[in-house]
């Protein structure tokens, strides 16, 4: 399932990134790589950003980028 389709409060593990090299590199620089655990904190309305928690860090992702993250 994709990160952008989940409800808030879910804790998931990243399985893979389904976008090009640039998106994968951007996510890698943020620490979002296969195997890490994330928590979905908020989904802002009107296709606004998705806020996740990675460790003790909160990260806001655009919906398109969040949609490229496959989780389980």
PDB file of N, CA and C in Angstrom:
ATOM      1  N   UNK A   1       0.839  -1.180   0.000  1.00  0.00           N
ATOM      2  CA  UNK A   1       0.000   0.000   0.000  1.00  0.00           C
ATOM      3  C   UNK A   1       0.885   1.244   0.000  1.00  0.00           C
ATOM      4  N   UNK A   2       0.334   2.344  -0.449  1.00  0.00           N
ATOM      5  CA  UNK A   2       1.093   3.593  -0.532  1.00  0.00           C
ATOM      6  C   UNK A   2       0.869   4.443   0.720  1.00  0.00           C
ATOM      7  N   UNK A   3       1.892   5.177   1.085  1.00  0.00           N
ATOM      8  CA  UNK A   3       1.826   6.017   2.284  1.00  0.00           C
ATOM      9  C   UNK A   3       0.680   7.022   2.218  1.00  0.00           C
ATOM     10  N   UNK A   4       0.416   7.587   1.048  1.00  0.00           N
ATOM     11  CA  UNK A   4      -0.617   8.620   0.933  1.00  0.00           C
ATOM     12  C   UNK A   4      -2.041   8.082   1.060  1.00  0.00           C
ATOM     13  N   UNK A   5      -2.220   6.765   1.081  1.00  0.00           N
ATOM     14  CA  UNK A   5      -3.567   6.186   1.180  1.00  0.00           C
ATOM     15  C   UNK A   5      -3.942   5.784   2.606  1.00  0.00           C
ATOM     16  N   UNK A   6      -3.018   5.903   3.531  1.00  0.00           N
ATOM     17  CA  UNK A   6      -3.259   5.447   4.902  1.00  0.00           C
ATOM     18  C   UNK A   6      -3.961   6.502   5.744  1.00  0.00           C
ATOM     19  N   UNK A   7      -4.591   6.046   6.822  1.00  0.00           N
ATOM     20  CA  UNK A   7      -5.200   6.968   7.770  1.00  0.00           C
ATOM     21  C   UNK A   7      -4.148   7.394   8.798  1.00  0.00           C
ATOM     22  N   UNK A   8      -4.375   8.533   9.417  1.00  0.00           N
ATOM     23  CA  UNK A   8      -3.423   9.039  10.401  1.00  0.00           C
ATOM     24  C   UNK A   8      -3.338   8.094  11.593  1.00  0.00           C
ATOM     25  N   UNK A   9      -2.176   8.112  12.239  1.00  0.00           N
ATOM     26  CA  UNK A   9      -1.943   7.269  13.399  1.00  0.00           C
ATOM     27  C   UNK A   9      -1.319   5.924  13.080  1.00  0.00           C
ATOM     28  N   UNK A  10      -1.267   5.568  11.810  1.00  0.00           N
ATOM     29  CA  UNK A  10      -0.704   4.264  11.416  1.00  0.00           C
ATOM     30  C   UNK A  10       0.807   4.266  11.518  1.00  0.00           C
ATOM     31  N   UNK A  11       1.356   3.178  12.005  1.00  0.00           N
ATOM     32  CA  UNK A  11       2.801   2.961  12.024  1.00  0.00           C
ATOM     33  C   UNK A  11       3.095   1.894  10.983  1.00  0.00           C
ATOM     34  N   UNK A  12       4.037   2.200  10.099  1.00  0.00           N
ATOM     35  CA  UNK A  12       4.328   1.314   8.974  1.00  0.00           C
ATOM     36  C   UNK A  12       5.828   1.212   8.744  1.00  0.00           C
ATOM     37  N   UNK A  13       6.194   0.263   7.894  1.00  0.00           N
ATOM     38  CA  UNK A  13       7.589   0.086   7.497  1.00  0.00           C
ATOM     39  C   UNK A  13       7.687   0.339   6.001  1.00  0.00           C
ATOM     40  N   UNK A  14       8.718   1.077   5.588  1.00  0.00           N
ATOM     41  CA  UNK A  14       8.932   1.368   4.171  1.00  0.00           C
ATOM     42  C   UNK A  14       9.413   0.099   3.474  1.00  0.00           C
ATOM     43  N   UNK A  15       8.766  -0.227   2.357  1.00  0.00           N
ATOM     44  CA  UNK A  15       9.132  -1.403   1.575  1.00  0.00           C
ATOM     45  C   UNK A  15       9.994  -0.996   0.384  1.00  0.00           C
ATOM     46  N   UNK A  16       9.542   0.023  -0.360  1.00  0.00           N
ATOM     47  CA  UNK A  16      10.309   0.502  -1.520  1.00  0.00           C
ATOM     48  C   UNK A  16       9.815   1.877  -1.944  1.00  0.00           C
ATOM     49  N   UNK A  17      10.604   2.508  -2.811  1.00  0.00           N
ATOM     50  CA  UNK A  17      10.272   3.808  -3.394  1.00  0.00           C
ATOM     51  C   UNK A  17       9.921   3.564  -4.857  1.00  0.00           C
ATOM     52  N   UNK A  18       8.733   3.989  -5.270  1.00  0.00           N
ATOM     53  CA  UNK A  18       8.249   3.730  -6.629  1.00  0.00           C
ATOM     54  C   UNK A  18       8.330   4.964  -7.526  1.00  0.00           C
ATOM     55  N   UNK A  19       9.430   5.667  -7.498  1.00  0.00           N
ATOM     56  CA  UNK A  19       9.621   6.837  -8.366  1.00  0.00           C
ATOM     57  C   UNK A  19      11.031   6.804  -8.895  1.00  0.00           C
ATOM     58  N   UNK A  20      11.381   7.834  -9.618  1.00  0.00           N
ATOM     59  CA  UNK A  20      12.691   7.904 -10.240  1.00  0.00           C
ATOM     60  C   UNK A  20      13.824   8.136  -9.258  1.00  0.00           C
ATOM     61  N   UNK A  21      15.006   8.233  -9.820  1.00  0.00           N
ATOM     62  CA  UNK A  21      16.229   8.389  -9.030  1.00  0.00           C
ATOM     63  C   UNK A  21      16.206   9.665  -8.203  1.00  0.00           C
ATOM     64  N   UNK A  22      15.700  10.757  -8.770  1.00  0.00           N
ATOM     65  CA  UNK A  22      15.686  12.036  -8.045  1.00  0.00           C
ATOM     66  C   UNK A  22      14.824  11.948  -6.779  1.00  0.00           C
ATOM     67  N   UNK A  23      13.637  11.370  -6.903  1.00  0.00           N
ATOM     68  CA  UNK A  23      12.757  11.221  -5.736  1.00  0.00           C
ATOM     69  C   UNK A  23      13.381  10.288  -4.711  1.00  0.00           C
ATOM     70  N   UNK A  24      13.957   9.186  -5.181  1.00  0.00           N
ATOM     71  CA  UNK A  24      14.595   8.238  -4.265  1.00  0.00           C
ATOM     72  C   UNK A  24      15.751   8.896  -3.527  1.00  0.00           C
ATOM     73  N   UNK A  25      16.520   9.714  -4.234  1.00  0.00           N
ATOM     74  CA  UNK A  25      17.647  10.407  -3.606  1.00  0.00           C
ATOM     75  C   UNK A  25      17.152  11.405  -2.562  1.00  0.00           C
ATOM     76  N   UNK A  26      16.104  12.146  -2.910  1.00  0.00           N
ATOM     77  CA  UNK A  26      15.536  13.127  -1.980  1.00  0.00           C
ATOM     78  C   UNK A  26      15.045  12.433  -0.705  1.00  0.00           C
ATOM     79  N   UNK A  27      14.344  11.327  -0.855  1.00  0.00           N
ATOM     80  CA  UNK A  27      13.837  10.595   0.307  1.00  0.00           C
ATOM     81  C   UNK A  27      14.974   9.985   1.121  1.00  0.00           C
ATOM     82  N   UNK A  28      15.989   9.479   0.436  1.00  0.00           N
ATOM     83  CA  UNK A  28      17.157   8.914   1.125  1.00  0.00           C
ATOM     84  C   UNK A  28      17.840   9.969   1.980  1.00  0.00           C
ATOM     85  N   UNK A  29      17.960  11.186   1.453  1.00  0.00           N
ATOM     86  CA  UNK A  29      18.582  12.278   2.213  1.00  0.00           C
ATOM     87  C   UNK A  29      17.788  12.620   3.469  1.00  0.00           C
ATOM     88  N   UNK A  30      16.482  12.346   3.464  1.00  0.00           N
ATOM     89  CA  UNK A  30      15.641  12.581   4.638  1.00  0.00           C
ATOM     90  C   UNK A  30      15.646  11.386   5.580  1.00  0.00           C
ATOM     91  N   UNK A  31      16.285  10.288   5.169  1.00  0.00           N
ATOM     92  CA  UNK A  31      16.321   9.088   6.000  1.00  0.00           C
ATOM     93  C   UNK A  31      15.203   8.108   5.716  1.00  0.00           C
ATOM     94  N   UNK A  32      14.430   8.373   4.658  1.00  0.00           N
ATOM     95  CA  UNK A  32      13.314   7.501   4.302  1.00  0.00           C
ATOM     96  C   UNK A  32      13.818   6.477   3.290  1.00  0.00           C
ATOM     97  N   UNK A  33      14.147   5.300   3.802  1.00  0.00           N
ATOM     98  CA  UNK A  33      14.699   4.222   2.985  1.00  0.00           C
ATOM     99  C   UNK A  33      13.984   2.922   3.344  1.00  0.00           C
ATOM    100  N   UNK A  34      14.042   1.922   2.465  1.00  0.00           N
ATOM    101  CA  UNK A  34      13.408   0.644   2.794  1.00  0.00           C
ATOM    102  C   UNK A  34      13.901   0.093   4.133  1.00  0.00           C
ATOM    103  N   UNK A  35      12.933  -0.374   4.924  1.00  0.00           N
ATOM    104  CA  UNK A  35      13.241  -0.956   6.223  1.00  0.00           C
ATOM    105  C   UNK A  35      12.965  -0.043   7.403  1.00  0.00           C
ATOM    106  N   UNK A  36      12.913   1.287   7.190  1.00  0.00           N
ATOM    107  CA  UNK A  36      12.672   2.190   8.322  1.00  0.00           C
ATOM    108  C   UNK A  36      11.189   2.222   8.668  1.00  0.00           C
ATOM    109  N   UNK A  37      10.904   2.510   9.933  1.00  0.00           N
ATOM    110  CA  UNK A  37       9.527   2.610  10.397  1.00  0.00           C
ATOM    111  C   UNK A  37       9.121   4.072  10.485  1.00  0.00           C
ATOM    112  N   UNK A  38       7.900   4.346  10.042  1.00  0.00           N
ATOM    113  CA  UNK A  38       7.336   5.692  10.039  1.00  0.00           C
ATOM    114  C   UNK A  38       5.993   5.670  10.748  1.00  0.00           C
ATOM    115  N   UNK A  39       5.587   6.843  11.228  1.00  0.00           N
ATOM    116  CA  UNK A  39       4.230   7.006  11.745  1.00  0.00           C
ATOM    117  C   UNK A  39       3.586   8.153  10.986  1.00  0.00           C
ATOM    118  N   UNK A  40       2.378   7.935  10.490  1.00  0.00           N
ATOM    119  CA  UNK A  40       1.647   8.975   9.772  1.00  0.00           C
ATOM    120  C   UNK A  40       0.939   9.853  10.802  1.00  0.00           C
ATOM    121  N   UNK A  41       1.388  11.106  10.924  1.00  0.00           N
ATOM    122  CA  UNK A  41       0.846  12.006  11.947  1.00  0.00           C
ATOM    123  C   UNK A  41      -0.339  12.826  11.461  1.00  0.00           C
ATOM    124  N   UNK A  42      -0.284  13.311  10.212  1.00  0.00           N
ATOM    125  CA  UNK A  42      -1.346  14.196   9.728  1.00  0.00           C
ATOM    126  C   UNK A  42      -1.425  14.177   8.212  1.00  0.00           C
ATOM    127  N   UNK A  43      -2.654  14.357   7.722  1.00  0.00           N
ATOM    128  CA  UNK A  43      -2.899  14.531   6.291  1.00  0.00           C
ATOM    129  C   UNK A  43      -3.672  15.837   6.162  1.00  0.00           C
ATOM    130  N   UNK A  44      -3.025  16.853   5.651  1.00  0.00           N
ATOM    131  CA  UNK A  44      -3.672  18.156   5.539  1.00  0.00           C
ATOM    132  C   UNK A  44      -4.686  18.144   4.401  1.00  0.00           C
ATOM    133  N   UNK A  45      -5.781  18.875   4.552  1.00  0.00           N
ATOM    134  CA  UNK A  45      -6.853  18.852   3.550  1.00  0.00           C
ATOM    135  C   UNK A  45      -6.437  19.480   2.221  1.00  0.00           C
ATOM    136  N   UNK A  46      -7.272  19.251   1.240  1.00  0.00           N
ATOM    137  CA  UNK A  46      -7.096  19.828  -0.098  1.00  0.00           C
ATOM    138  C   UNK A  46      -5.765  19.457  -0.726  1.00  0.00           C
ATOM    139  N   UNK A  47      -5.416  18.183  -0.595  1.00  0.00           N
ATOM    140  CA  UNK A  47      -4.182  17.653  -1.192  1.00  0.00           C
ATOM    141  C   UNK A  47      -2.934  18.321  -0.633  1.00  0.00           C
ATOM    142  N   UNK A  48      -3.038  18.814   0.599  1.00  0.00           N
ATOM    143  CA  UNK A  48      -1.894  19.416   1.277  1.00  0.00           C
ATOM    144  C   UNK A  48      -0.893  18.357   1.688  1.00  0.00           C
ATOM    145  N   UNK A  49       0.152  18.757   2.390  1.00  0.00           N
ATOM    146  CA  UNK A  49       1.215  17.819   2.741  1.00  0.00           C
ATOM    147  C   UNK A  49       0.778  16.747   3.744  1.00  0.00           C
ATOM    148  N   UNK A  50       1.550  15.686   3.744  1.00  0.00           N
ATOM    149  CA  UNK A  50       1.404  14.595   4.698  1.00  0.00           C
ATOM    150  C   UNK A  50       2.564  14.718   5.677  1.00  0.00           C
ATOM    151  N   UNK A  51       2.267  14.656   6.967  1.00  0.00           N
ATOM    152  CA  UNK A  51       3.306  14.782   7.988  1.00  0.00           C
ATOM    153  C   UNK A  51       3.561  13.407   8.590  1.00  0.00           C
ATOM    154  N   UNK A  52       4.831  13.021   8.580  1.00  0.00           N
ATOM    155  CA  UNK A  52       5.228  11.732   9.147  1.00  0.00           C
ATOM    156  C   UNK A  52       6.215  11.956  10.275  1.00  0.00           C
ATOM    157  N   UNK A  53       6.358  10.929  11.098  1.00  0.00           N
ATOM    158  CA  UNK A  53       7.361  10.943  12.159  1.00  0.00           C
ATOM    159  C   UNK A  53       8.358   9.838  11.849  1.00  0.00           C
ATOM    160  N   UNK A  54       9.616  10.211  11.800  1.00  0.00           N
ATOM    161  CA  UNK A  54      10.708   9.275  11.554  1.00  0.00           C
ATOM    162  C   UNK A  54      11.669   9.432  12.719  1.00  0.00           C
ATOM    163  N   UNK A  55      11.672   8.464  13.621  1.00  0.00           N
ATOM    164  CA  UNK A  55      12.452   8.616  14.847  1.00  0.00           C
ATOM    165  C   UNK A  55      11.840   9.734  15.671  1.00  0.00           C
ATOM    166  N   UNK A  56      12.635  10.748  15.998  1.00  0.00           N
ATOM    167  CA  UNK A  56      12.140  11.914  16.738  1.00  0.00           C
ATOM    168  C   UNK A  56      11.922  13.113  15.834  1.00  0.00           C
ATOM    169  N   UNK A  57      11.933  12.901  14.526  1.00  0.00           N
ATOM    170  CA  UNK A  57      11.835  13.986  13.556  1.00  0.00           C
ATOM    171  C   UNK A  57      10.496  13.954  12.837  1.00  0.00           C
ATOM    172  N   UNK A  58       9.902  15.127  12.675  1.00  0.00           N
ATOM    173  CA  UNK A  58       8.679  15.259  11.881  1.00  0.00           C
ATOM    174  C   UNK A  58       9.066  15.784  10.506  1.00  0.00           C
ATOM    175  N   UNK A  59       8.487  15.179   9.474  1.00  0.00           N
ATOM    176  CA  UNK A  59       8.804  15.539   8.096  1.00  0.00           C
ATOM    177  C   UNK A  59       7.496  15.736   7.343  1.00  0.00           C
ATOM    178  N   UNK A  60       7.380  16.857   6.608  1.00  0.00           N
ATOM    179  CA  UNK A  60       6.222  17.104   5.751  1.00  0.00           C
ATOM    180  C   UNK A  60       6.590  16.720   4.324  1.00  0.00           C
ATOM    181  N   UNK A  61       5.747  15.899   3.720  1.00  0.00           N
ATOM    182  CA  UNK A  61       5.967  15.441   2.353  1.00  0.00           C
ATOM    183  C   UNK A  61       4.795  15.863   1.481  1.00  0.00           C
ATOM    184  N   UNK A  62       5.077  16.261   0.257  1.00  0.00           N
ATOM    185  CA  UNK A  62       4.016  16.505  -0.709  1.00  0.00           C
ATOM    186  C   UNK A  62       3.296  15.203  -1.013  1.00  0.00           C
ATOM    187  N   UNK A  63       2.035  15.302  -1.418  1.00  0.00           N
ATOM    188  CA  UNK A  63       1.246  14.092  -1.675  1.00  0.00           C
ATOM    189  C   UNK A  63       1.862  13.225  -2.771  1.00  0.00           C
ATOM    190  N   UNK A  64       2.388  13.843  -3.802  1.00  0.00           N
ATOM    191  CA  UNK A  64       2.968  13.064  -4.902  1.00  0.00           C
ATOM    192  C   UNK A  64       4.175  12.256  -4.425  1.00  0.00           C
ATOM    193  N   UNK A  65       5.037  12.904  -3.649  1.00  0.00           N
ATOM    194  CA  UNK A  65       6.210  12.213  -3.129  1.00  0.00           C
ATOM    195  C   UNK A  65       5.793  11.123  -2.136  1.00  0.00           C
ATOM    196  N   UNK A  66       4.833  11.436  -1.271  1.00  0.00           N
ATOM    197  CA  UNK A  66       4.340  10.441  -0.310  1.00  0.00           C
ATOM    198  C   UNK A  66       3.709   9.248  -1.025  1.00  0.00           C
ATOM    199  N   UNK A  67       3.084   9.513  -2.171  1.00  0.00           N
ATOM    200  CA  UNK A  67       2.466   8.440  -2.942  1.00  0.00           C
ATOM    201  C   UNK A  67       3.462   7.491  -3.569  1.00  0.00           C
ATOM    202  N   UNK A  68       4.713   7.888  -3.606  1.00  0.00           N
ATOM    203  CA  UNK A  68       5.743   7.026  -4.188  1.00  0.00           C
ATOM    204  C   UNK A  68       6.352   6.076  -3.156  1.00  0.00           C
ATOM    205  N   UNK A  69       5.937   6.210  -1.899  1.00  0.00           N
ATOM    206  CA  UNK A  69       6.491   5.381  -0.826  1.00  0.00           C
ATOM    207  C   UNK A  69       5.567   4.193  -0.576  1.00  0.00           C
ATOM    208  N   UNK A  70       6.060   3.012  -0.880  1.00  0.00           N
ATOM    209  CA  UNK A  70       5.313   1.768  -0.656  1.00  0.00           C
ATOM    210  C   UNK A  70       5.620   1.284   0.759  1.00  0.00           C
ATOM    211  N   UNK A  71       4.562   0.999   1.536  1.00  0.00           N
ATOM    212  CA  UNK A  71       4.733   0.614   2.938  1.00  0.00           C
ATOM    213  C   UNK A  71       3.942  -0.653   3.244  1.00  0.00           C
ATOM    214  N   UNK A  72       4.249  -1.240   4.413  1.00  0.00           N
ATOM    215  CA  UNK A  72       3.455  -2.376   4.913  1.00  0.00           C
ATOM    216  C   UNK A  72       3.301  -2.264   6.410  1.00  0.00           C
TER     217      UNK A  72
END
